[in-house]
């Protein structure tokens, strides 16, 4: 290493601390420890994104099924022309949406599956 240059600094010149970034109170702060509610933010997020993708919010019908205490299936019924828009080319749109919703749901200890009918 060159004498004039020091080691690369991370995070705007602040020294890196091992274990940093934890909030006071330990693990699990901000997460609900009680039983999950019937509606979660992940399901609402999925509904919102699907309505925007469909361009006609009234054309979609949603059916939420609770499958146990921590699992939910969100069924979407729509016309075939809208189905293609929701699925996307080679299924990339629906795959990305499923990944996004699963990540959001896992923060609350749930699993949300999206099924387009």
N, C-alpha and C. Protein backbone atom coordinates (compact mmCIF):
# COMPACT_ATOMS: atom_id res chain seq x y z
N UNK A 1 0.85 -1.16 0.00
CA UNK A 1 0.00 0.00 0.00
C UNK A 1 0.90 1.23 0.00
N UNK A 2 0.47 2.25 -0.70
CA UNK A 2 1.21 3.50 -0.79
C UNK A 2 1.19 4.23 0.55
N UNK A 3 2.31 4.88 0.90
CA UNK A 3 2.40 5.58 2.18
C UNK A 3 1.44 6.77 2.26
N UNK A 4 1.20 7.45 1.15
CA UNK A 4 0.35 8.63 1.15
C UNK A 4 -1.12 8.26 1.31
N UNK A 5 -1.46 7.12 0.86
CA UNK A 5 -2.87 6.69 0.91
C UNK A 5 -3.09 5.81 2.12
N UNK A 6 -4.20 6.03 2.75
CA UNK A 6 -4.57 5.18 3.88
C UNK A 6 -5.55 4.12 3.40
N UNK A 7 -6.01 3.31 4.30
CA UNK A 7 -6.99 2.31 3.91
C UNK A 7 -8.30 2.99 3.49
N UNK A 8 -9.03 2.32 2.64
CA UNK A 8 -10.30 2.87 2.16
C UNK A 8 -11.25 3.04 3.33
N UNK A 9 -11.92 4.16 3.36
CA UNK A 9 -12.86 4.43 4.44
C UNK A 9 -14.26 4.10 3.97
N UNK A 10 -15.02 3.51 4.84
CA UNK A 10 -16.38 3.11 4.52
C UNK A 10 -17.35 4.09 5.16
N UNK A 11 -18.50 4.18 4.58
CA UNK A 11 -19.61 4.91 5.15
C UNK A 11 -19.25 6.36 5.47
N UNK A 12 -18.69 7.05 4.49
CA UNK A 12 -18.43 8.47 4.64
C UNK A 12 -17.32 8.79 5.61
N UNK A 13 -16.35 7.94 5.77
CA UNK A 13 -15.23 8.22 6.63
C UNK A 13 -15.41 7.75 8.06
N UNK A 14 -16.56 7.23 8.39
CA UNK A 14 -16.76 6.72 9.74
C UNK A 14 -16.15 5.33 9.83
N UNK A 15 -15.49 5.02 10.91
CA UNK A 15 -14.91 3.68 11.03
C UNK A 15 -16.00 2.63 11.14
N UNK A 16 -15.72 1.50 10.58
CA UNK A 16 -16.68 0.40 10.57
C UNK A 16 -16.69 -0.27 11.94
N UNK A 17 -17.89 -0.40 12.50
CA UNK A 17 -18.02 -1.06 13.80
C UNK A 17 -18.74 -2.38 13.59
N UNK A 18 -18.19 -3.41 14.13
CA UNK A 18 -18.83 -4.71 14.02
C UNK A 18 -20.10 -4.72 14.87
N UNK A 19 -21.19 -5.19 14.27
CA UNK A 19 -22.44 -5.27 14.99
C UNK A 19 -23.20 -3.95 15.03
N UNK A 20 -22.76 -2.98 14.28
CA UNK A 20 -23.44 -1.69 14.26
C UNK A 20 -24.77 -1.79 13.52
N UNK A 21 -25.60 -0.83 13.68
CA UNK A 21 -26.87 -0.80 12.99
C UNK A 21 -28.02 -1.39 13.78
N UNK A 22 -27.73 -1.95 14.93
CA UNK A 22 -28.80 -2.48 15.77
C UNK A 22 -29.50 -1.34 16.47
N UNK A 23 -30.77 -1.49 16.62
CA UNK A 23 -31.54 -0.50 17.36
C UNK A 23 -31.52 -0.84 18.84
N UNK A 24 -31.70 0.16 19.67
CA UNK A 24 -31.77 -0.13 21.10
C UNK A 24 -32.94 -1.06 21.40
N UNK A 25 -32.75 -1.96 22.28
CA UNK A 25 -33.83 -2.87 22.64
C UNK A 25 -33.59 -4.28 22.16
N UNK A 26 -32.56 -4.50 21.36
CA UNK A 26 -32.25 -5.86 20.93
C UNK A 26 -32.95 -6.25 19.65
N UNK A 27 -33.01 -7.53 19.43
CA UNK A 27 -33.58 -8.06 18.20
C UNK A 27 -35.09 -7.99 18.22
N UNK A 28 -35.68 -7.88 17.04
CA UNK A 28 -37.12 -7.95 16.92
C UNK A 28 -37.86 -6.67 17.26
N UNK A 29 -37.16 -5.57 17.37
CA UNK A 29 -37.83 -4.32 17.68
C UNK A 29 -38.64 -3.89 16.47
N UNK A 30 -39.88 -3.55 16.68
CA UNK A 30 -40.73 -3.10 15.59
C UNK A 30 -41.51 -4.21 14.93
N UNK A 31 -41.23 -5.41 15.27
CA UNK A 31 -41.97 -6.53 14.68
C UNK A 31 -43.06 -6.96 15.64
N UNK A 32 -44.16 -7.34 15.09
CA UNK A 32 -45.26 -7.75 15.96
C UNK A 32 -45.01 -9.15 16.46
N UNK A 33 -45.14 -9.34 17.75
CA UNK A 33 -44.92 -10.66 18.33
C UNK A 33 -46.24 -11.37 18.59
N UNK A 34 -47.34 -10.64 18.48
CA UNK A 34 -48.66 -11.24 18.70
C UNK A 34 -49.14 -11.96 17.47
N UNK A 35 -50.37 -12.44 17.51
CA UNK A 35 -50.91 -13.13 16.36
C UNK A 35 -51.10 -12.15 15.20
N UNK A 36 -50.85 -12.61 13.97
CA UNK A 36 -50.97 -11.72 12.83
C UNK A 36 -52.43 -11.33 12.57
N UNK A 37 -52.62 -10.15 12.03
CA UNK A 37 -53.97 -9.70 11.74
C UNK A 37 -54.43 -10.30 10.42
N UNK A 38 -55.71 -10.12 10.11
CA UNK A 38 -56.26 -10.67 8.87
C UNK A 38 -55.70 -9.96 7.66
N UNK A 39 -55.36 -8.69 7.76
CA UNK A 39 -54.83 -7.94 6.65
C UNK A 39 -53.45 -7.43 7.01
N UNK A 40 -52.50 -7.65 6.14
CA UNK A 40 -51.16 -7.16 6.38
C UNK A 40 -50.79 -6.13 5.34
N UNK A 41 -49.72 -5.44 5.60
CA UNK A 41 -49.23 -4.44 4.66
C UNK A 41 -48.80 -5.09 3.35
N UNK A 42 -48.31 -6.32 3.41
CA UNK A 42 -47.87 -7.01 2.20
C UNK A 42 -49.05 -7.29 1.27
N UNK A 43 -50.16 -7.71 1.83
CA UNK A 43 -51.35 -7.97 1.01
C UNK A 43 -51.88 -6.68 0.42
N UNK A 44 -51.89 -5.62 1.21
CA UNK A 44 -52.34 -4.33 0.70
C UNK A 44 -51.42 -3.82 -0.39
N UNK A 45 -50.12 -4.05 -0.23
CA UNK A 45 -49.15 -3.66 -1.24
C UNK A 45 -49.41 -4.41 -2.55
N UNK A 46 -49.65 -5.70 -2.46
CA UNK A 46 -49.92 -6.50 -3.65
C UNK A 46 -51.18 -6.01 -4.36
N UNK A 47 -52.23 -5.73 -3.60
CA UNK A 47 -53.47 -5.23 -4.20
C UNK A 47 -53.24 -3.91 -4.90
N UNK A 48 -52.51 -3.02 -4.26
CA UNK A 48 -52.25 -1.71 -4.86
C UNK A 48 -51.49 -1.85 -6.17
N UNK A 49 -50.41 -2.62 -6.17
CA UNK A 49 -49.60 -2.78 -7.38
C UNK A 49 -50.41 -3.44 -8.50
N UNK A 50 -51.20 -4.45 -8.16
CA UNK A 50 -52.01 -5.12 -9.18
C UNK A 50 -53.05 -4.18 -9.77
N UNK A 51 -53.64 -3.33 -8.95
CA UNK A 51 -54.63 -2.37 -9.46
C UNK A 51 -53.97 -1.36 -10.40
N UNK A 52 -52.76 -0.94 -10.07
CA UNK A 52 -52.05 0.00 -10.94
C UNK A 52 -51.67 -0.67 -12.26
N UNK A 53 -51.21 -1.91 -12.20
CA UNK A 53 -50.84 -2.63 -13.41
C UNK A 53 -52.05 -2.89 -14.31
N UNK A 54 -53.19 -3.13 -13.72
CA UNK A 54 -54.39 -3.44 -14.50
C UNK A 54 -54.94 -2.23 -15.21
N UNK A 55 -54.62 -1.03 -14.74
CA UNK A 55 -55.09 0.24 -15.29
C UNK A 55 -56.59 0.45 -15.13
N UNK A 56 -57.31 -0.57 -14.72
CA UNK A 56 -58.74 -0.46 -14.44
C UNK A 56 -58.99 -1.15 -13.11
N UNK A 57 -59.02 -0.41 -12.02
CA UNK A 57 -59.11 -1.03 -10.69
C UNK A 57 -60.39 -1.83 -10.47
N UNK A 58 -61.45 -1.49 -11.20
CA UNK A 58 -62.72 -2.19 -11.00
C UNK A 58 -62.75 -3.55 -11.69
N UNK A 59 -61.79 -3.82 -12.56
CA UNK A 59 -61.78 -5.08 -13.31
C UNK A 59 -61.23 -6.24 -12.49
N UNK A 60 -60.62 -5.95 -11.36
CA UNK A 60 -60.00 -6.99 -10.54
C UNK A 60 -60.89 -7.34 -9.36
N UNK A 61 -60.91 -8.62 -9.02
CA UNK A 61 -61.60 -9.09 -7.82
C UNK A 61 -60.59 -9.87 -6.99
N UNK A 62 -60.50 -9.52 -5.72
CA UNK A 62 -59.53 -10.15 -4.83
C UNK A 62 -60.23 -11.06 -3.85
N UNK A 63 -59.59 -12.19 -3.59
CA UNK A 63 -60.10 -13.16 -2.63
C UNK A 63 -58.96 -13.54 -1.70
N UNK A 64 -59.07 -13.15 -0.42
CA UNK A 64 -58.03 -13.47 0.56
C UNK A 64 -58.45 -14.69 1.35
N UNK A 65 -57.58 -15.69 1.37
CA UNK A 65 -57.83 -16.91 2.15
C UNK A 65 -56.71 -17.07 3.16
N UNK A 66 -57.11 -17.18 4.41
CA UNK A 66 -56.13 -17.47 5.46
C UNK A 66 -55.94 -18.98 5.51
N UNK A 67 -54.72 -19.42 5.40
CA UNK A 67 -54.39 -20.83 5.42
C UNK A 67 -53.47 -21.08 6.61
N UNK A 68 -54.06 -21.08 7.77
CA UNK A 68 -53.27 -21.18 8.99
C UNK A 68 -53.07 -19.79 9.56
N UNK A 69 -52.29 -19.72 10.60
CA UNK A 69 -52.13 -18.44 11.27
C UNK A 69 -51.13 -17.53 10.59
N UNK A 70 -50.22 -18.08 9.82
CA UNK A 70 -49.16 -17.27 9.24
C UNK A 70 -49.08 -17.34 7.72
N UNK A 71 -50.10 -17.86 7.08
CA UNK A 71 -50.06 -18.00 5.63
C UNK A 71 -51.35 -17.49 5.02
N UNK A 72 -51.23 -16.79 3.90
CA UNK A 72 -52.39 -16.21 3.24
C UNK A 72 -52.23 -16.40 1.74
N UNK A 73 -53.34 -16.66 1.07
CA UNK A 73 -53.35 -16.76 -0.39
C UNK A 73 -54.22 -15.64 -0.92
N UNK A 74 -53.66 -14.84 -1.80
CA UNK A 74 -54.38 -13.74 -2.42
C UNK A 74 -54.72 -14.14 -3.84
N UNK A 75 -55.99 -14.46 -4.08
CA UNK A 75 -56.45 -14.85 -5.41
C UNK A 75 -56.95 -13.63 -6.16
N UNK A 76 -56.56 -13.52 -7.43
CA UNK A 76 -56.95 -12.40 -8.26
C UNK A 76 -57.71 -12.94 -9.46
N UNK A 77 -58.93 -12.46 -9.65
CA UNK A 77 -59.75 -12.86 -10.78
C UNK A 77 -59.93 -11.65 -11.68
N UNK A 78 -59.67 -11.83 -12.99
CA UNK A 78 -59.80 -10.72 -13.92
C UNK A 78 -60.03 -11.26 -15.33
N UNK A 79 -60.20 -10.35 -16.28
CA UNK A 79 -60.41 -10.72 -17.68
C UNK A 79 -59.10 -11.22 -18.29
N UNK A 80 -59.18 -12.03 -19.35
CA UNK A 80 -57.95 -12.56 -19.96
C UNK A 80 -57.02 -11.48 -20.52
N UNK A 81 -57.58 -10.36 -21.00
CA UNK A 81 -56.70 -9.31 -21.53
C UNK A 81 -55.88 -8.67 -20.42
N UNK A 82 -56.45 -8.55 -19.25
CA UNK A 82 -55.73 -7.97 -18.11
C UNK A 82 -54.78 -8.98 -17.50
N UNK A 83 -55.13 -10.25 -17.61
CA UNK A 83 -54.27 -11.31 -17.06
C UNK A 83 -52.88 -11.25 -17.69
N UNK A 84 -52.83 -11.06 -19.00
CA UNK A 84 -51.55 -10.97 -19.69
C UNK A 84 -50.71 -9.80 -19.21
N UNK A 85 -51.36 -8.70 -18.91
CA UNK A 85 -50.64 -7.52 -18.42
C UNK A 85 -50.09 -7.77 -17.02
N UNK A 86 -50.84 -8.50 -16.19
CA UNK A 86 -50.38 -8.78 -14.83
C UNK A 86 -49.23 -9.79 -14.81
N UNK A 87 -49.31 -10.77 -15.68
CA UNK A 87 -48.27 -11.81 -15.71
C UNK A 87 -46.98 -11.27 -16.32
N UNK A 88 -47.09 -10.51 -17.40
CA UNK A 88 -45.91 -9.94 -18.04
C UNK A 88 -45.24 -10.92 -18.96
N UNK A 89 -44.24 -10.45 -19.64
CA UNK A 89 -43.53 -11.27 -20.62
C UNK A 89 -42.72 -12.35 -19.89
N UNK A 90 -42.98 -13.58 -20.26
CA UNK A 90 -42.34 -14.75 -19.64
C UNK A 90 -42.57 -14.83 -18.14
N UNK A 91 -43.61 -14.17 -17.62
CA UNK A 91 -43.94 -14.23 -16.21
C UNK A 91 -43.04 -13.40 -15.32
N UNK A 92 -42.29 -12.47 -15.91
CA UNK A 92 -41.34 -11.69 -15.12
C UNK A 92 -42.03 -10.71 -14.18
N UNK A 93 -43.15 -10.15 -14.61
CA UNK A 93 -43.83 -9.16 -13.77
C UNK A 93 -44.40 -9.82 -12.52
N UNK A 94 -45.11 -10.93 -12.69
CA UNK A 94 -45.73 -11.59 -11.54
C UNK A 94 -44.66 -12.20 -10.63
N UNK A 95 -43.57 -12.67 -11.19
CA UNK A 95 -42.48 -13.22 -10.38
C UNK A 95 -41.85 -12.13 -9.52
N UNK A 96 -41.62 -10.97 -10.10
CA UNK A 96 -41.06 -9.87 -9.34
C UNK A 96 -42.02 -9.41 -8.24
N UNK A 97 -43.31 -9.36 -8.56
CA UNK A 97 -44.30 -8.97 -7.56
C UNK A 97 -44.37 -9.98 -6.43
N UNK A 98 -44.34 -11.26 -6.76
CA UNK A 98 -44.37 -12.30 -5.72
C UNK A 98 -43.16 -12.19 -4.81
N UNK A 99 -41.98 -11.96 -5.39
CA UNK A 99 -40.78 -11.81 -4.57
C UNK A 99 -40.86 -10.59 -3.65
N UNK A 100 -41.38 -9.49 -4.17
CA UNK A 100 -41.52 -8.28 -3.38
C UNK A 100 -42.49 -8.47 -2.22
N UNK A 101 -43.62 -9.11 -2.50
CA UNK A 101 -44.63 -9.31 -1.47
C UNK A 101 -44.16 -10.33 -0.43
N UNK A 102 -43.47 -11.36 -0.85
CA UNK A 102 -42.93 -12.34 0.11
C UNK A 102 -41.91 -11.69 1.03
N UNK A 103 -41.08 -10.81 0.48
CA UNK A 103 -40.09 -10.12 1.32
C UNK A 103 -40.78 -9.21 2.33
N UNK A 104 -41.82 -8.51 1.89
CA UNK A 104 -42.55 -7.63 2.81
C UNK A 104 -43.28 -8.43 3.87
N UNK A 105 -43.84 -9.57 3.51
CA UNK A 105 -44.58 -10.39 4.46
C UNK A 105 -43.65 -11.08 5.45
N UNK A 106 -42.46 -11.43 5.01
CA UNK A 106 -41.54 -12.15 5.90
C UNK A 106 -41.07 -11.26 7.06
N UNK A 107 -41.15 -9.95 6.89
CA UNK A 107 -40.80 -9.04 7.99
C UNK A 107 -41.78 -9.17 9.14
N UNK A 108 -42.99 -9.64 8.85
CA UNK A 108 -44.00 -9.82 9.88
C UNK A 108 -44.19 -11.29 10.24
N UNK A 109 -43.33 -12.14 9.71
CA UNK A 109 -43.42 -13.56 10.02
C UNK A 109 -44.54 -14.27 9.29
N UNK A 110 -44.97 -13.73 8.16
CA UNK A 110 -46.05 -14.34 7.38
C UNK A 110 -45.55 -14.74 6.01
N UNK A 111 -46.41 -15.44 5.30
CA UNK A 111 -46.14 -15.79 3.91
C UNK A 111 -47.40 -15.48 3.11
N UNK A 112 -47.24 -14.74 2.03
CA UNK A 112 -48.37 -14.36 1.18
C UNK A 112 -48.09 -14.90 -0.21
N UNK A 113 -49.02 -15.70 -0.73
CA UNK A 113 -48.92 -16.24 -2.08
C UNK A 113 -49.92 -15.53 -2.96
N UNK A 114 -49.55 -15.22 -4.20
CA UNK A 114 -50.43 -14.56 -5.15
C UNK A 114 -50.77 -15.56 -6.24
N UNK A 115 -52.05 -15.70 -6.49
CA UNK A 115 -52.54 -16.62 -7.51
C UNK A 115 -53.46 -15.87 -8.46
N UNK A 116 -53.12 -15.86 -9.74
CA UNK A 116 -53.96 -15.19 -10.74
C UNK A 116 -54.79 -16.24 -11.43
N UNK A 117 -56.11 -16.02 -11.43
CA UNK A 117 -57.03 -17.01 -11.99
C UNK A 117 -57.64 -16.50 -13.27
